């Protein structure tokens, strides 16, 4: 007869490659009344289950298998938004040092259980986590509906109760305020937390992020460095990320690379090596790029956390280093894994062309170049366009290569990373003299379009201004600078006309939605979303929110 407990309604997933451990955990869940428990022996099967069913609790072994560990898989699930907000994730581990690993990483499981574990251990953690969830439920309900303002209000109600969940509510409030673009309010919340508990890492980190979001990069960097230099925060990679982002925003990408290298030394995960590899490649440090991307390839081979871009970046770094034969081998192996991925195929062919040219194989180069051209409809600010442009330049097709690079700059003229890669492509192919002219020239053309639209707005030609910026959006639908301007000019048009035009409101929503895909978690997009909210609120008669 099934035991009925407060947990009997929960559905669990056990992820462990050892069948005996699966049986043991399932039995322990049964003892506390959880009869519905699926099992998976690896991350791939578990991911498929999570995509098709809803679980309340996941018990995952840290040493999952040779392809990926539990922490990497957990981070993958968080990054891909595959875990519902109400799903608890418990890591099961025999590693006594796991607490240090979890504390250093970006994503923390709800709990971890050190082997050997008992049913009581699971029940104790479950009880405390469910109590916390129940207490914070009003906040999570608002967040699940993307109602950030409601979430802030729910935090305030919990804070007014002066319960033991006050600090958790304060943490949630700071995060929601940051997402609302209310940096100054967020700073106050984090300072309040620090007054209660000086040295609290999440509060210091939140304060650093609030400064960064407000464009106060030096202040953000100093606070994050103080965290890193403290005994409690020296392994906090999120603090390293704030320092790296602040340095990059201040125009110091090589300084950012060194900080990311330090973070990868703290947590040498595939995710961290990938960040260093990408940064190293943009900075022209090909040895480091190759080393990091080889580590990523080794750590993720055959795993759900592997990404096609890893293979492509490794191959490109190898070609740039003159190791064309190795690059072709890497791409050949990648083709077998990503055969059905069209994005991989087009970039792969462009890099193959470069490798064939390096090897002096003109016939194969021409053949793959032709196929690569057929897959590229229009130049974008992406790796594919730059790789093909580089192949064209290496083949002596200067006009075609430069035209592609110009289109890449125009597609996102404010993107410093794209400009960095374009500069490298020109230097690598003997066109260093064209770096300044090409990048500045293409960017200036887009800046003039934006200036023209803003001038029309200043001259009170509101409709003409909107038409002008939307023409630019039509030509460059993924240009983040143009999209931001289009959102702002449309908002200003709404304010000037004092009319909540539904079509115009929908357009701003469309631009913001596109921006969030192109620039996830970007401070500029957050601020534009706040401006839009304030515009709509003012026109609805609610007055400008704080």
Protein backbone atom coordinates (compact mmCIF):
# COMPACT_ATOMS: atom_id res chain seq x y z
CA UNK A 1 0.00 0.00 0.00
CA UNK A 2 1.35 3.39 -1.05
CA UNK A 3 2.37 5.74 1.75
CA UNK A 4 0.62 9.12 1.67
CA UNK A 5 2.83 11.98 2.78
CA UNK A 6 3.05 15.72 2.05
CA UNK A 7 5.30 14.74 -0.87
CA UNK A 8 3.09 12.10 -2.51
CA UNK A 9 1.90 14.49 -5.19
CA UNK A 10 5.46 15.17 -6.39
CA UNK A 11 6.90 13.68 -9.56
CA UNK A 12 10.64 12.99 -9.55
CA UNK A 13 13.41 12.25 -12.01
CA UNK A 14 16.50 10.30 -10.97
CA UNK A 15 19.57 10.83 -13.16
CA UNK A 16 22.36 8.34 -12.46
CA UNK A 17 24.42 6.05 -14.68
CA UNK A 18 24.56 3.31 -12.00
CA UNK A 19 21.49 1.06 -12.03
CA UNK A 20 22.01 0.08 -8.38
CA UNK A 21 22.01 3.71 -7.34
CA UNK A 22 18.89 4.36 -9.42
CA UNK A 23 17.14 1.55 -7.54
CA UNK A 24 18.37 2.82 -4.17
CA UNK A 25 17.22 6.39 -4.80
CA UNK A 26 13.87 5.24 -6.13
CA UNK A 27 13.38 3.15 -2.99
CA UNK A 28 14.29 6.11 -0.77
CA UNK A 29 11.81 8.33 -2.60
CA UNK A 30 9.18 5.64 -2.09
CA UNK A 31 9.91 5.68 1.65
CA UNK A 32 8.98 9.36 1.83
CA UNK A 33 5.86 8.86 -0.28
CA UNK A 34 7.09 9.80 -3.79
CA UNK A 35 5.89 6.93 -5.95
CA UNK A 36 6.12 8.61 -9.34
CA UNK A 37 9.82 8.61 -10.26
CA UNK A 38 11.37 8.23 -13.72
CA UNK A 39 15.01 7.30 -14.19
CA UNK A 40 17.62 8.25 -16.80
CA UNK A 41 21.15 6.92 -17.12
CA UNK A 42 22.65 9.95 -18.87
CA UNK A 43 22.15 13.65 -19.53
CA UNK A 44 20.84 13.09 -23.05
CA UNK A 45 17.98 10.79 -21.97
CA UNK A 46 17.24 13.00 -18.97
CA UNK A 47 17.03 16.09 -21.18
CA UNK A 48 14.57 14.34 -23.48
CA UNK A 49 12.41 13.44 -20.47
CA UNK A 50 12.51 17.01 -19.14
CA UNK A 51 11.45 18.35 -22.52
CA UNK A 52 8.41 16.05 -22.59
CA UNK A 53 7.31 15.91 -18.92
CA UNK A 54 7.08 18.17 -15.93
CA UNK A 55 8.99 17.23 -12.77
CA UNK A 56 8.87 18.70 -9.27
CA UNK A 57 12.17 17.19 -8.14
CA UNK A 58 15.35 16.07 -9.91
CA UNK A 59 17.98 14.00 -8.13
CA UNK A 60 21.16 14.05 -10.22
CA UNK A 61 24.47 12.31 -9.60
CA UNK A 62 27.45 14.68 -9.89
CA UNK A 63 29.71 12.09 -11.54
CA UNK A 64 27.20 11.39 -14.25
CA UNK A 65 29.34 9.72 -16.89
CA UNK A 66 32.37 10.36 -19.05
CA UNK A 67 30.52 12.81 -21.33
CA UNK A 68 29.43 15.44 -18.81
CA UNK A 69 29.16 15.86 -15.07
CA UNK A 70 25.98 16.76 -13.22
CA UNK A 71 27.03 20.37 -12.65
CA UNK A 72 27.64 20.96 -16.38
CA UNK A 73 24.29 19.42 -17.23
CA UNK A 74 22.53 21.49 -14.55
CA UNK A 75 24.08 24.69 -15.99
CA UNK A 76 23.00 23.61 -19.47
CA UNK A 77 19.41 23.18 -18.26
CA UNK A 78 19.44 26.65 -16.66
CA UNK A 79 21.01 28.28 -19.72
CA UNK A 80 18.42 26.67 -22.00
CA UNK A 81 15.54 27.56 -19.62
CA UNK A 82 14.53 23.91 -19.47
CA UNK A 83 13.92 23.85 -15.71
CA UNK A 84 10.54 25.22 -14.57
CA UNK A 85 10.74 27.67 -11.67
CA UNK A 86 8.96 25.21 -9.37
CA UNK A 87 11.31 22.27 -10.08
CA UNK A 88 13.81 21.50 -7.31
CA UNK A 89 17.24 20.26 -8.36
CA UNK A 90 19.28 18.24 -5.83
CA UNK A 91 22.84 17.22 -6.64
CA UNK A 92 23.95 13.88 -5.22
CA UNK A 93 27.69 13.57 -4.81
CA UNK A 94 30.47 11.69 -3.10
CA UNK A 95 32.77 14.71 -3.56
CA UNK A 96 33.21 16.40 -0.19
CA UNK A 97 34.60 19.44 -2.02
CA UNK A 98 31.42 19.86 -4.06
CA UNK A 99 30.19 22.73 -1.85
CA UNK A 100 33.18 24.79 -3.00
CA UNK A 101 32.48 23.88 -6.64
CA UNK A 102 28.81 24.86 -6.33
CA UNK A 103 29.63 28.11 -4.52
CA UNK A 104 31.99 29.18 -7.29
CA UNK A 105 29.70 28.48 -10.23
CA UNK A 106 27.03 30.69 -11.77
CA UNK A 107 24.13 28.36 -11.08
CA UNK A 108 23.56 26.73 -7.73
CA UNK A 109 21.35 23.66 -7.24
CA UNK A 110 18.62 23.94 -4.62
CA UNK A 111 20.51 21.46 -2.43
CA UNK A 112 23.27 18.89 -2.54
CA UNK A 113 23.42 15.55 -0.75
CA UNK A 114 26.67 13.90 0.24
CA UNK A 115 26.81 10.11 -0.20
CA UNK A 116 25.94 7.89 1.47
CA UNK A 117 22.47 9.39 1.73
CA UNK A 118 19.28 8.18 3.40
CA UNK A 119 15.59 8.78 2.82
CA UNK A 120 15.65 11.13 5.83
CA UNK A 121 18.38 13.22 4.20
CA UNK A 122 16.23 13.69 1.12
CA UNK A 123 13.15 14.42 3.22
CA UNK A 124 14.96 17.03 5.34
CA UNK A 125 16.19 18.94 2.28
CA UNK A 126 12.84 18.60 0.58
CA UNK A 127 10.99 19.92 3.61
CA UNK A 128 13.17 23.01 3.97
CA UNK A 129 13.10 23.78 0.24
CA UNK A 130 9.34 23.37 0.01
CA UNK A 131 8.88 25.65 3.04
CA UNK A 132 11.04 28.27 1.35
CA UNK A 133 9.13 27.87 -1.89
CA UNK A 134 5.79 28.24 -0.12
CA UNK A 135 6.97 31.40 1.63
CA UNK A 136 8.25 32.93 -1.61
CA UNK A 137 5.44 31.60 -3.80
CA UNK A 138 3.83 35.04 -4.43
CA UNK A 139 7.14 36.27 -5.83
CA UNK A 140 7.62 33.22 -8.08
CA UNK A 141 4.03 33.41 -9.32
CA UNK A 142 4.63 36.98 -10.49
CA UNK A 143 7.99 36.09 -12.03
CA UNK A 144 6.50 33.15 -13.92
CA UNK A 145 4.09 35.65 -15.54
CA UNK A 146 7.00 38.07 -16.19
CA UNK A 147 5.25 40.54 -13.86
CA UNK A 148 8.37 42.16 -12.40
CA UNK A 149 6.48 45.05 -10.81
CA UNK A 150 4.18 42.57 -9.11
CA UNK A 151 7.21 40.58 -7.94
CA UNK A 152 8.68 43.71 -6.31
CA UNK A 153 5.36 44.32 -4.53
CA UNK A 154 5.28 40.67 -3.37
CA UNK A 155 8.83 41.08 -2.01
CA UNK A 156 7.75 44.16 -0.08
CA UNK A 157 4.85 42.26 1.52
CA UNK A 158 7.20 39.50 2.68
CA UNK A 159 9.70 42.07 3.96
CA UNK A 160 6.94 43.74 5.97
CA UNK A 161 6.32 40.43 7.78
CA UNK A 162 9.92 40.49 9.14
CA UNK A 163 10.08 36.71 8.81
CA UNK A 164 13.14 34.49 8.34
CA UNK A 165 12.65 34.80 4.57
CA UNK A 166 13.40 38.53 4.58
CA UNK A 167 16.90 38.21 3.10
CA UNK A 168 15.63 35.89 0.36
CA UNK A 169 12.92 38.44 -0.44
CA UNK A 170 15.51 41.24 -0.45
CA UNK A 171 17.66 39.26 -2.88
CA UNK A 172 14.69 38.63 -5.18
CA UNK A 173 13.68 42.30 -4.99
CA UNK A 174 17.15 43.50 -6.02
CA UNK A 175 17.19 41.15 -8.98
CA UNK A 176 13.70 42.19 -10.12
CA UNK A 177 14.61 45.89 -9.84
CA UNK A 178 17.68 45.30 -11.99
CA UNK A 179 15.52 43.58 -14.59
CA UNK A 180 13.18 46.57 -14.49
CA UNK A 181 16.11 48.89 -15.19
CA UNK A 182 15.65 50.61 -11.78
CA UNK A 183 19.36 50.66 -10.95
CA UNK A 184 19.24 53.24 -8.18
CA UNK A 185 16.43 51.40 -6.38
CA UNK A 186 18.37 48.14 -6.77
CA UNK A 187 21.45 49.77 -5.24
CA UNK A 188 19.42 50.81 -2.19
CA UNK A 189 18.16 47.24 -1.73
CA UNK A 190 21.65 45.76 -1.92
CA UNK A 191 23.04 48.41 0.45
CA UNK A 192 20.23 47.61 2.88
CA UNK A 193 21.21 43.93 2.77
CA UNK A 194 24.85 44.84 3.38
CA UNK A 195 23.90 46.96 6.39
CA UNK A 196 22.34 43.86 7.93
CA UNK A 197 25.12 41.51 6.87
CA UNK A 198 28.36 43.21 5.79
CA UNK A 199 30.31 41.18 3.27
CA UNK A 200 27.27 39.35 1.94
CA UNK A 201 28.47 38.15 -1.47
CA UNK A 202 25.18 38.22 -3.40
CA UNK A 203 24.48 41.76 -2.18
CA UNK A 204 27.96 42.99 -3.17
CA UNK A 205 27.58 41.31 -6.54
CA UNK A 206 24.16 42.85 -7.04
CA UNK A 207 25.56 46.27 -6.20
CA UNK A 208 28.36 45.79 -8.75
CA UNK A 209 25.82 44.75 -11.40
CA UNK A 210 23.63 47.76 -10.60
CA UNK A 211 26.60 50.08 -11.18
CA UNK A 212 27.47 48.29 -14.43
CA UNK A 213 23.87 48.50 -15.65
CA UNK A 214 23.96 52.24 -14.94
CA UNK A 215 27.11 52.60 -17.05
CA UNK A 216 29.32 53.16 -13.98
CA UNK A 217 31.88 50.62 -15.12
CA UNK A 218 34.77 51.71 -12.90
CA UNK A 219 32.63 51.48 -9.75
CA UNK A 220 31.29 48.09 -10.87
CA UNK A 221 34.81 46.79 -11.48
CA UNK A 222 36.09 47.99 -8.10
CA UNK A 223 33.25 46.33 -6.17
CA UNK A 224 33.63 43.07 -8.10
CA UNK A 225 37.38 43.07 -7.50
CA UNK A 226 36.79 43.57 -3.78
CA UNK A 227 34.66 40.42 -3.86
CA UNK A 228 37.42 38.48 -5.64
CA UNK A 229 40.02 39.70 -3.11
CA UNK A 230 37.91 38.58 -0.15
CA UNK A 231 38.29 35.08 1.38
CA UNK A 232 34.59 34.34 0.82
CA UNK A 233 34.45 35.59 -2.77
CA UNK A 234 37.83 34.71 -4.24
CA UNK A 235 36.28 31.86 -6.24
CA UNK A 236 33.08 33.59 -7.28
CA UNK A 237 33.20 33.49 -11.09
CA UNK A 238 30.21 35.81 -11.44
CA UNK A 239 32.37 38.56 -9.89
CA UNK A 240 35.09 37.82 -12.47
CA UNK A 241 32.43 38.16 -15.18
CA UNK A 242 31.43 41.62 -13.92
CA UNK A 243 35.09 42.72 -14.01
CA UNK A 244 35.52 41.31 -17.54
CA UNK A 245 32.31 42.94 -18.81
CA UNK A 246 33.28 46.28 -17.27
CA UNK A 247 36.74 46.14 -18.84
CA UNK A 248 35.29 45.29 -22.25
CA UNK A 249 32.80 48.14 -21.95
CA UNK A 250 35.73 50.43 -21.12
CA UNK A 251 37.47 49.37 -24.35
CA UNK A 252 39.93 46.91 -22.84
CA UNK A 253 39.09 43.51 -24.43
CA UNK A 254 42.55 42.07 -23.75
CA UNK A 255 42.17 42.94 -20.04
CA UNK A 256 38.81 41.15 -20.11
CA UNK A 257 40.52 38.09 -21.57
CA UNK A 258 42.96 37.88 -18.67
CA UNK A 259 40.12 38.07 -16.17
CA UNK A 260 38.21 35.31 -17.97
CA UNK A 261 41.37 33.18 -17.89
CA UNK A 262 41.55 33.64 -14.11
CA UNK A 263 37.88 32.61 -13.82
CA UNK A 264 38.53 29.49 -15.91
CA UNK A 265 41.36 28.59 -13.53
CA UNK A 266 38.87 28.76 -10.64
CA UNK A 267 36.19 26.71 -12.43
CA UNK A 268 37.79 24.85 -15.36
CA UNK A 269 34.44 23.84 -16.89
CA UNK A 270 33.68 23.58 -20.61
CA UNK A 271 31.53 26.67 -20.29
CA UNK A 272 34.41 28.69 -18.84
CA UNK A 273 36.93 27.38 -21.39
CA UNK A 274 34.49 28.33 -24.15
CA UNK A 275 34.31 31.93 -22.89
CA UNK A 276 38.11 32.17 -22.78
CA UNK A 277 38.47 30.57 -26.22
CA UNK A 278 36.03 33.01 -27.82
CA UNK A 279 37.66 36.02 -26.16
CA UNK A 280 41.17 34.79 -27.02
CA UNK A 281 40.21 34.35 -30.68
CA UNK A 282 38.82 37.89 -30.90
CA UNK A 283 41.99 39.19 -29.26
CA UNK A 284 44.18 37.35 -31.76
CA UNK A 285 45.62 34.95 -29.15
CA UNK A 286 45.36 31.88 -31.35
CA UNK A 287 47.38 29.56 -29.11
CA UNK A 288 45.03 30.16 -26.21
CA UNK A 289 41.97 29.95 -28.46
CA UNK A 290 43.14 26.60 -29.83
CA UNK A 291 44.01 25.21 -26.38
CA UNK A 292 40.68 26.23 -24.83
CA UNK A 293 38.52 25.03 -27.70
CA UNK A 294 40.34 21.69 -27.73
CA UNK A 295 39.55 21.34 -24.03
CA UNK A 296 35.91 22.19 -24.74
CA UNK A 297 35.77 19.62 -27.56
CA UNK A 298 37.26 16.94 -25.31
CA UNK A 299 34.99 17.75 -22.36
CA UNK A 300 31.77 17.84 -24.39
CA UNK A 301 32.34 15.17 -27.06
CA UNK A 302 29.10 13.28 -27.65
CA UNK A 303 27.39 15.29 -24.91
CA UNK A 304 24.18 17.29 -24.98
CA UNK A 305 26.18 20.35 -23.90
CA UNK A 306 28.37 20.31 -27.04
CA UNK A 307 27.78 23.24 -29.42
CA UNK A 308 28.48 23.44 -33.18
CA UNK A 309 30.17 26.81 -32.69
CA UNK A 310 32.84 25.07 -30.58
CA UNK A 311 33.94 22.96 -33.55
CA UNK A 312 33.81 25.89 -35.97
CA UNK A 313 35.86 28.19 -33.73
CA UNK A 314 38.48 25.50 -33.14
CA UNK A 315 38.74 24.87 -36.90
CA UNK A 316 39.05 28.60 -37.64
CA UNK A 317 41.79 29.00 -35.03
CA UNK A 318 43.65 26.05 -36.57
CA UNK A 319 43.42 27.54 -40.08
CA UNK A 320 44.65 30.90 -38.79
CA UNK A 321 47.60 29.15 -37.14
CA UNK A 322 48.46 27.46 -40.46
CA UNK A 323 47.33 24.02 -39.28
CA UNK A 324 44.95 23.50 -42.19
CA UNK A 325 45.05 19.69 -42.24
CA UNK A 326 44.01 19.54 -38.57
CA UNK A 327 41.24 22.04 -39.26
CA UNK A 328 39.84 19.88 -42.06
CA UNK A 329 39.92 16.86 -39.75
CA UNK A 330 38.02 18.74 -37.03
CA UNK A 331 35.40 19.91 -39.54
CA UNK A 332 35.02 16.40 -40.96
CA UNK A 333 34.31 15.04 -37.48
CA UNK A 334 31.89 17.93 -36.87
CA UNK A 335 30.04 17.20 -40.12
CA UNK A 336 29.14 13.75 -38.85
CA UNK A 337 27.67 15.26 -35.66
CA UNK A 338 26.00 18.36 -37.09
CA UNK A 339 25.06 17.07 -40.55
CA UNK A 340 21.48 18.28 -40.20
CA UNK A 341 22.45 21.72 -38.89
CA UNK A 342 22.43 24.13 -41.88
CA UNK A 343 24.19 26.88 -39.92
CA UNK A 344 27.12 24.54 -39.23
CA UNK A 345 27.34 23.48 -42.88
CA UNK A 346 27.63 26.98 -44.34
CA UNK A 347 30.35 28.14 -41.93
CA UNK A 348 32.14 24.81 -42.22
CA UNK A 349 32.38 25.20 -46.00
CA UNK A 350 33.78 28.72 -45.67
CA UNK A 351 36.48 27.51 -43.27
CA UNK A 352 37.16 24.46 -45.44
CA UNK A 353 37.76 26.84 -48.35
CA UNK A 354 40.34 28.72 -46.27
CA UNK A 355 42.01 25.43 -45.32
CA UNK A 356 42.19 24.26 -48.94
CA UNK A 357 43.73 27.58 -49.95
CA UNK A 358 46.32 27.22 -47.17
CA UNK A 359 47.08 23.72 -48.48
CA UNK A 360 47.41 25.01 -52.04
CA UNK A 361 44.44 22.95 -53.23
CA UNK A 362 42.83 25.47 -55.59
CA UNK A 363 40.33 23.05 -57.14
CA UNK A 364 38.82 21.96 -53.82
CA UNK A 365 38.90 25.56 -52.59
CA UNK A 366 36.89 26.76 -55.56
CA UNK A 367 34.43 23.89 -55.19
CA UNK A 368 33.70 24.53 -51.50
CA UNK A 369 33.72 28.31 -52.03
CA UNK A 370 30.94 27.94 -54.60
CA UNK A 371 28.84 25.89 -52.18
CA UNK A 372 29.51 28.31 -49.32
CA UNK A 373 28.38 31.26 -51.44
CA UNK A 374 25.13 29.46 -52.28
CA UNK A 375 24.25 29.14 -48.59
CA UNK A 376 24.77 32.82 -47.73
CA UNK A 377 21.80 34.91 -48.86
CA UNK A 378 22.75 38.17 -47.18
CA UNK A 379 25.72 39.33 -45.14
CA UNK A 380 25.11 39.43 -41.40
CA UNK A 381 27.16 40.42 -38.39
CA UNK A 382 28.05 36.81 -37.74
CA UNK A 383 30.79 34.22 -37.87
CA UNK A 384 29.46 32.79 -41.17
CA UNK A 385 29.76 36.07 -43.09
CA UNK A 386 33.20 36.86 -41.72
CA UNK A 387 34.46 33.32 -42.46
CA UNK A 388 33.26 33.51 -46.08
CA UNK A 389 34.67 37.03 -46.48
CA UNK A 390 38.00 35.77 -45.24
CA UNK A 391 37.88 32.89 -47.74
CA UNK A 392 37.16 35.34 -50.56
CA UNK A 393 40.06 37.58 -49.54
CA UNK A 394 42.43 34.60 -49.25
CA UNK A 395 41.36 33.48 -52.74
CA UNK A 396 42.19 36.92 -54.13
CA UNK A 397 38.55 37.98 -54.56
CA UNK A 398 39.14 41.30 -52.87
CA UNK A 399 35.99 43.08 -53.98
CA UNK A 400 33.69 40.24 -52.89
CA UNK A 401 35.48 39.83 -49.55
CA UNK A 402 35.45 43.53 -48.69
CA UNK A 403 31.80 43.81 -49.69
CA UNK A 404 30.89 40.99 -47.31
CA UNK A 405 32.81 42.60 -44.46
CA UNK A 406 31.11 45.94 -45.12
CA UNK A 407 27.76 44.19 -44.95
CA UNK A 408 28.79 42.59 -41.63
CA UNK A 409 29.62 46.00 -40.12
CA UNK A 410 26.39 47.50 -41.47
CA UNK A 411 24.36 44.60 -40.07
CA UNK A 412 25.35 45.59 -36.51
CA UNK A 413 27.50 48.72 -36.67
CA UNK A 414 27.77 49.22 -32.88
CA UNK A 415 28.90 45.66 -32.11
CA UNK A 416 32.54 45.93 -30.91
CA UNK A 417 33.11 42.16 -31.02
CA UNK A 418 32.13 41.93 -34.67
CA UNK A 419 34.37 44.88 -35.47
CA UNK A 420 37.22 43.19 -33.63
CA UNK A 421 36.82 40.02 -35.70
CA UNK A 422 36.53 41.97 -38.96
CA UNK A 423 39.74 43.84 -38.14
CA UNK A 424 41.49 40.52 -37.53
CA UNK A 425 40.18 39.10 -40.83
CA UNK A 426 41.55 42.09 -42.74
CA UNK A 427 44.94 41.95 -41.01
CA UNK A 428 45.24 38.17 -41.48
CA UNK A 429 44.65 38.50 -45.23
CA UNK A 430 47.06 41.37 -45.84
CA UNK A 431 44.48 44.16 -45.88
CA UNK A 432 45.51 45.92 -42.69
CA UNK A 433 45.47 49.28 -44.47
CA UNK A 434 41.72 48.93 -45.00
CA UNK A 435 40.71 48.25 -41.37
CA UNK A 436 39.97 51.80 -40.32
CA UNK A 437 38.42 52.86 -43.60
CA UNK A 438 36.13 49.85 -43.98
CA UNK A 439 34.87 49.70 -40.40
CA UNK A 440 34.51 53.45 -39.91
CA UNK A 441 33.01 53.96 -43.37
CA UNK A 442 30.35 51.25 -43.06
CA UNK A 443 29.48 52.31 -39.51
CA UNK A 444 29.23 55.97 -40.54
CA UNK A 445 26.65 55.15 -43.20
CA UNK A 446 24.39 53.58 -40.57
CA UNK A 447 25.05 56.34 -38.05
CA UNK A 448 23.97 58.89 -40.66
CA UNK A 449 20.68 57.05 -41.19
CA UNK A 450 20.04 57.20 -37.44
CA UNK A 451 21.08 60.88 -37.24
CA UNK A 452 18.75 61.74 -40.12
CA UNK A 453 15.81 60.09 -38.37
CA UNK A 454 16.56 61.86 -35.08
CA UNK A 455 16.91 65.21 -36.86
CA UNK A 456 13.45 64.74 -38.39
CA UNK A 457 12.13 64.10 -34.88
CA UNK A 458 13.80 67.25 -33.55
CA UNK A 459 12.22 69.18 -36.43
CA UNK A 460 8.81 67.91 -35.28
CA UNK A 461 8.44 65.72 -38.37
CA UNK A 462 7.38 62.78 -36.22
CA UNK A 463 5.87 60.50 -38.86
CA UNK A 464 8.79 61.13 -41.21
CA UNK A 465 11.24 60.29 -38.43
CA UNK A 466 9.48 57.00 -37.72
CA UNK A 467 9.42 56.15 -41.43
CA UNK A 468 13.13 56.92 -41.76
CA UNK A 469 14.23 54.71 -38.86
CA UNK A 470 11.93 51.91 -39.94
CA UNK A 471 13.47 51.98 -43.41
CA UNK A 472 16.78 51.36 -41.68
CA UNK A 473 15.24 48.48 -39.69
CA UNK A 474 13.89 47.02 -42.93
CA UNK A 475 17.37 47.04 -44.47
CA UNK A 476 19.16 45.85 -41.31
CA UNK A 477 16.63 43.89 -39.24
CA UNK A 478 19.25 42.54 -36.83
CA UNK A 479 21.25 45.73 -36.31
CA UNK A 480 20.99 46.19 -32.54
CA UNK A 481 21.89 49.89 -32.63
CA UNK A 482 19.20 50.59 -35.23
CA UNK A 483 16.64 48.49 -33.36
CA UNK A 484 17.31 50.39 -30.13
CA UNK A 485 16.89 53.70 -31.96
CA UNK A 486 13.72 52.45 -33.66
CA UNK A 487 12.24 51.47 -30.28
CA UNK A 488 13.16 54.84 -28.78
CA UNK A 489 11.94 56.95 -31.70
CA UNK A 490 8.63 55.08 -31.75
CA UNK A 491 8.26 55.65 -28.00
CA UNK A 492 9.03 59.34 -28.46
CA UNK A 493 6.45 59.48 -31.27
CA UNK A 494 3.87 57.96 -28.92
CA UNK A 495 4.67 60.61 -26.30
CA UNK A 496 4.69 63.52 -28.73
CA UNK A 497 1.38 62.53 -30.28
CA UNK A 498 -0.04 61.68 -26.83
CA UNK A 499 -1.76 58.71 -28.36
CA UNK A 500 -1.44 55.01 -27.47
CA UNK A 501 -1.31 53.90 -31.10
CA UNK A 502 -1.74 50.05 -30.98
CA UNK A 503 0.25 49.44 -34.18
CA UNK A 504 3.15 51.55 -32.92
CA UNK A 505 3.05 49.86 -29.50
CA UNK A 506 3.18 46.46 -31.23
CA UNK A 507 6.17 47.56 -33.26
CA UNK A 508 8.09 48.58 -30.15
CA UNK A 509 7.27 45.22 -28.60
CA UNK A 510 8.53 43.50 -31.75
CA UNK A 511 11.81 45.46 -31.69
CA UNK A 512 12.33 44.74 -27.99
CA UNK A 513 11.61 41.06 -28.51
CA UNK A 514 14.14 40.92 -31.35
CA UNK A 515 16.70 42.80 -29.25
CA UNK A 516 16.32 40.37 -26.35
CA UNK A 517 17.13 37.49 -28.67
CA UNK A 518 20.12 39.30 -30.16
CA UNK A 519 21.36 40.79 -26.86
CA UNK A 520 20.12 38.59 -24.00
CA UNK A 521 20.34 40.17 -20.54
CA UNK A 522 21.76 43.39 -22.01
CA UNK A 523 21.60 46.54 -19.88
CA UNK A 524 20.73 48.81 -22.84
CA UNK A 525 17.76 46.63 -23.76
CA UNK A 526 16.62 46.61 -20.12
CA UNK A 527 16.70 50.42 -20.08
CA UNK A 528 14.78 50.63 -23.35
CA UNK A 529 12.15 48.25 -22.01
CA UNK A 530 11.82 50.51 -18.95
CA UNK A 531 11.40 53.58 -21.19
CA UNK A 532 8.69 51.74 -23.13
CA UNK A 533 6.89 50.73 -19.92
CA UNK A 534 7.00 54.30 -18.64
CA UNK A 535 5.70 55.59 -21.98
CA UNK A 536 2.73 53.23 -22.01
CA UNK A 537 2.02 53.88 -18.33
CA UNK A 538 2.05 57.65 -18.85
CA UNK A 539 -0.30 57.43 -21.82
CA UNK A 540 -2.66 55.14 -19.95
CA UNK A 541 -2.90 57.81 -17.29
CA UNK A 542 -1.04 55.97 -14.62
CA UNK A 543 1.73 58.51 -14.38
CA UNK A 544 5.40 57.79 -14.77
CA UNK A 545 6.55 54.89 -12.58
CA UNK A 546 9.55 55.36 -10.37
